[in-house]
N, C-alpha and C. Protein backbone atom coordinates (compact mmCIF):
# COMPACT_ATOMS: atom_id res chain seq x y z
N MET A 1 83.43 105.56 118.35
CA MET A 1 82.69 104.32 118.38
C MET A 1 83.01 103.51 117.13
N ARG A 2 83.27 102.28 117.31
CA ARG A 2 83.57 101.40 116.19
C ARG A 2 82.26 100.96 115.54
N ASP A 3 82.20 101.13 114.23
CA ASP A 3 80.97 100.73 113.55
C ASP A 3 81.22 99.89 112.30
N ALA A 4 82.47 99.58 112.00
CA ALA A 4 82.78 98.73 110.83
C ALA A 4 83.14 97.34 111.33
N ALA A 5 82.41 96.35 110.84
CA ALA A 5 82.65 94.97 111.26
C ALA A 5 83.72 94.33 110.38
N ILE A 6 84.57 93.54 111.01
CA ILE A 6 85.57 92.73 110.32
C ILE A 6 85.40 91.31 110.83
N ASN A 7 85.08 90.39 109.94
CA ASN A 7 84.87 89.00 110.35
C ASN A 7 85.91 88.11 109.70
N LEU A 8 86.34 87.11 110.42
CA LEU A 8 87.25 86.13 109.84
C LEU A 8 87.10 84.80 110.54
N ARG A 9 87.51 83.76 109.86
CA ARG A 9 87.45 82.40 110.40
C ARG A 9 88.85 81.98 110.79
N ALA A 10 88.95 81.24 111.87
CA ALA A 10 90.25 80.77 112.35
C ALA A 10 90.11 79.34 112.85
N LEU A 11 91.23 78.66 112.88
CA LEU A 11 91.24 77.34 113.50
C LEU A 11 91.11 77.52 115.01
N PRO A 12 90.56 76.55 115.70
CA PRO A 12 90.45 76.67 117.16
C PRO A 12 91.80 76.93 117.83
N GLU A 13 92.85 76.32 117.29
CA GLU A 13 94.18 76.52 117.88
C GLU A 13 94.65 77.96 117.71
N GLN A 14 94.32 78.55 116.56
CA GLN A 14 94.68 79.95 116.32
C GLN A 14 93.91 80.86 117.26
N ARG A 15 92.61 80.60 117.39
CA ARG A 15 91.79 81.41 118.30
C ARG A 15 92.31 81.32 119.72
N ASP A 16 92.66 80.10 120.15
CA ASP A 16 93.15 79.91 121.51
C ASP A 16 94.47 80.65 121.73
N LEU A 17 95.34 80.61 120.75
CA LEU A 17 96.62 81.32 120.85
C LEU A 17 96.38 82.82 120.95
N ILE A 18 95.50 83.33 120.11
CA ILE A 18 95.18 84.77 120.14
C ILE A 18 94.57 85.15 121.48
N ASP A 19 93.64 84.34 121.96
CA ASP A 19 93.02 84.62 123.26
C ASP A 19 94.04 84.62 124.39
N HIS A 20 94.96 83.66 124.34
CA HIS A 20 95.99 83.58 125.38
C HIS A 20 96.88 84.82 125.36
N ALA A 21 97.33 85.20 124.16
CA ALA A 21 98.18 86.38 124.05
C ALA A 21 97.43 87.64 124.49
N ALA A 22 96.17 87.75 124.10
CA ALA A 22 95.38 88.91 124.49
C ALA A 22 95.24 88.99 126.01
N SER A 23 94.99 87.84 126.63
CA SER A 23 94.83 87.84 128.08
C SER A 23 96.12 88.22 128.79
N LEU A 24 97.25 87.83 128.22
CA LEU A 24 98.54 88.21 128.82
C LEU A 24 98.73 89.72 128.83
N LEU A 25 98.12 90.39 127.86
CA LEU A 25 98.21 91.85 127.78
C LEU A 25 97.02 92.55 128.41
N GLY A 26 96.09 91.77 128.96
CA GLY A 26 94.91 92.37 129.58
C GLY A 26 93.94 92.95 128.56
N LYS A 27 93.92 92.36 127.38
CA LYS A 27 93.04 92.85 126.32
C LYS A 27 92.04 91.76 125.94
N ASN A 28 90.97 92.18 125.29
CA ASN A 28 90.05 91.19 124.75
C ASN A 28 90.52 90.82 123.34
N ARG A 29 89.93 89.78 122.79
CA ARG A 29 90.34 89.28 121.48
C ARG A 29 90.24 90.36 120.41
N SER A 30 89.13 91.06 120.36
CA SER A 30 88.93 92.08 119.32
C SER A 30 89.98 93.18 119.40
N ASP A 31 90.20 93.71 120.59
CA ASP A 31 91.19 94.78 120.75
C ASP A 31 92.58 94.29 120.36
N PHE A 32 92.92 93.08 120.80
CA PHE A 32 94.23 92.52 120.49
C PHE A 32 94.40 92.35 118.98
N MET A 33 93.40 91.76 118.33
CA MET A 33 93.51 91.51 116.90
C MET A 33 93.53 92.81 116.10
N LEU A 34 92.73 93.77 116.49
CA LEU A 34 92.70 95.04 115.78
C LEU A 34 94.03 95.76 115.91
N GLU A 35 94.58 95.76 117.12
CA GLU A 35 95.88 96.40 117.33
C GLU A 35 96.97 95.72 116.52
N ALA A 36 96.99 94.38 116.54
CA ALA A 36 98.01 93.63 115.80
C ALA A 36 97.86 93.86 114.30
N ALA A 37 96.65 93.85 113.81
CA ALA A 37 96.42 94.05 112.38
C ALA A 37 96.82 95.46 111.95
N CYS A 38 96.51 96.45 112.76
CA CYS A 38 96.87 97.82 112.43
C CYS A 38 98.39 98.02 112.46
N GLU A 39 99.07 97.42 113.43
CA GLU A 39 100.52 97.51 113.48
C GLU A 39 101.13 96.91 112.22
N ARG A 40 100.64 95.75 111.80
CA ARG A 40 101.15 95.10 110.60
C ARG A 40 100.83 95.92 109.36
N ALA A 41 99.64 96.48 109.29
CA ALA A 41 99.25 97.30 108.15
C ALA A 41 100.15 98.54 108.04
N GLN A 42 100.44 99.17 109.17
CA GLN A 42 101.32 100.33 109.16
C GLN A 42 102.72 99.94 108.68
N ALA A 43 103.21 98.79 109.11
CA ALA A 43 104.53 98.32 108.68
C ALA A 43 104.56 98.09 107.17
N VAL A 44 103.51 97.50 106.63
CA VAL A 44 103.44 97.25 105.19
C VAL A 44 103.45 98.58 104.43
N VAL A 45 102.66 99.54 104.89
CA VAL A 45 102.60 100.84 104.23
C VAL A 45 103.96 101.53 104.32
N LEU A 46 104.58 101.51 105.49
CA LEU A 46 105.89 102.14 105.64
C LEU A 46 106.95 101.48 104.77
N ASP A 47 106.85 100.18 104.58
CA ASP A 47 107.81 99.48 103.72
C ASP A 47 107.73 99.99 102.28
N GLN A 48 106.61 100.56 101.91
CA GLN A 48 106.46 101.08 100.56
C GLN A 48 107.08 102.47 100.39
N VAL A 49 107.30 103.18 101.49
CA VAL A 49 107.79 104.55 101.39
C VAL A 49 109.09 104.79 102.15
N PHE A 50 109.53 103.86 102.96
CA PHE A 50 110.73 104.04 103.78
C PHE A 50 111.64 102.85 103.61
N PHE A 51 112.91 103.10 103.39
CA PHE A 51 113.87 102.02 103.32
C PHE A 51 115.19 102.51 103.91
N GLN A 52 115.99 101.59 104.38
CA GLN A 52 117.26 101.93 105.01
C GLN A 52 118.41 101.47 104.13
N LEU A 53 119.45 102.28 104.08
CA LEU A 53 120.65 101.93 103.36
C LEU A 53 121.85 102.20 104.24
N ASP A 54 122.89 101.39 104.10
CA ASP A 54 124.13 101.71 104.82
C ASP A 54 124.78 102.91 104.11
N ASP A 55 125.85 103.44 104.68
CA ASP A 55 126.46 104.67 104.14
C ASP A 55 126.88 104.52 102.68
N GLN A 56 127.50 103.41 102.35
CA GLN A 56 127.98 103.21 100.98
C GLN A 56 126.81 103.15 99.99
N ARG A 57 125.82 102.36 100.31
CA ARG A 57 124.67 102.26 99.41
C ARG A 57 123.90 103.57 99.32
N PHE A 58 123.86 104.33 100.41
CA PHE A 58 123.19 105.64 100.36
C PHE A 58 123.92 106.57 99.41
N ARG A 59 125.26 106.57 99.46
CA ARG A 59 126.04 107.40 98.54
C ARG A 59 125.79 106.98 97.09
N GLU A 60 125.74 105.67 96.85
CA GLU A 60 125.45 105.19 95.49
C GLU A 60 124.05 105.62 95.05
N PHE A 61 123.10 105.52 95.94
CA PHE A 61 121.71 105.89 95.63
C PHE A 61 121.61 107.37 95.31
N THR A 62 122.21 108.21 96.14
CA THR A 62 122.13 109.65 95.88
C THR A 62 122.90 110.03 94.63
N ALA A 63 123.98 109.32 94.32
CA ALA A 63 124.71 109.59 93.08
C ALA A 63 123.83 109.29 91.87
N MET A 64 123.06 108.20 91.93
CA MET A 64 122.15 107.89 90.83
C MET A 64 121.07 108.96 90.69
N LEU A 65 120.56 109.45 91.82
CA LEU A 65 119.54 110.49 91.77
C LEU A 65 120.10 111.79 91.22
N ASP A 66 121.35 112.09 91.57
CA ASP A 66 121.96 113.35 91.14
C ASP A 66 122.51 113.30 89.72
N ALA A 67 122.69 112.11 89.18
CA ALA A 67 123.24 111.97 87.83
C ALA A 67 122.26 112.52 86.80
N PRO A 68 122.78 113.09 85.73
CA PRO A 68 121.85 113.57 84.69
C PRO A 68 121.08 112.40 84.09
N PRO A 69 119.86 112.64 83.70
CA PRO A 69 119.07 111.53 83.14
C PRO A 69 119.65 111.06 81.82
N SER A 70 119.52 109.77 81.61
CA SER A 70 119.96 109.23 80.33
C SER A 70 118.90 109.53 79.27
N GLU A 71 119.31 109.49 78.03
CA GLU A 71 118.36 109.76 76.96
C GLU A 71 117.29 108.69 76.92
N ASN A 72 116.06 109.12 76.71
CA ASN A 72 114.93 108.21 76.65
C ASN A 72 113.98 108.73 75.57
N PRO A 73 114.19 108.27 74.33
CA PRO A 73 113.36 108.79 73.23
C PRO A 73 111.86 108.58 73.45
N GLY A 74 111.50 107.45 74.03
CA GLY A 74 110.08 107.20 74.27
C GLY A 74 109.49 108.20 75.24
N LEU A 75 110.22 108.52 76.30
CA LEU A 75 109.74 109.49 77.28
C LEU A 75 109.68 110.88 76.65
N GLU A 76 110.69 111.21 75.86
CA GLU A 76 110.68 112.52 75.20
C GLU A 76 109.47 112.65 74.27
N ARG A 77 109.16 111.58 73.54
CA ARG A 77 108.01 111.58 72.64
C ARG A 77 106.71 111.74 73.44
N LEU A 78 106.61 111.00 74.54
CA LEU A 78 105.43 111.09 75.39
C LEU A 78 105.25 112.50 75.95
N MET A 79 106.33 113.09 76.41
CA MET A 79 106.23 114.43 77.00
C MET A 79 105.88 115.48 75.93
N GLY A 80 106.13 115.15 74.67
CA GLY A 80 105.80 116.08 73.60
C GLY A 80 104.35 116.01 73.15
N VAL A 81 103.61 115.02 73.63
CA VAL A 81 102.20 114.88 73.25
C VAL A 81 101.36 115.87 74.06
N LYS A 82 100.51 116.60 73.34
CA LYS A 82 99.64 117.55 74.01
C LYS A 82 98.58 116.80 74.82
N ALA A 83 98.37 117.21 76.06
CA ALA A 83 97.36 116.59 76.91
C ALA A 83 95.97 116.82 76.32
N PRO A 84 95.11 115.83 76.34
CA PRO A 84 93.78 115.99 75.72
C PRO A 84 92.92 117.05 76.40
N TRP A 85 93.20 117.42 77.62
CA TRP A 85 92.38 118.42 78.31
C TRP A 85 92.88 119.84 78.06
N ARG A 86 93.95 119.97 77.28
CA ARG A 86 94.46 121.33 76.98
C ARG A 86 93.97 121.81 75.66
């Protein structure tokens, strides 16, 4: 059961477009909007964790990951600091 309300304001033209699209799919406005919003939200989240590379760029990417780390005095100093909870 849905119990969280989501409210938003739209122009009449936007509402009419949404209603028309929803009716074409046999859905009501709420179901259509919720489905569309969730699909977009999932795409945004996936864009943060998934990306595509062609073969050449993938080889370059994996070479960078496999390369030994460059010296970073600041990071070395930070890693040498004792954690306050220890």
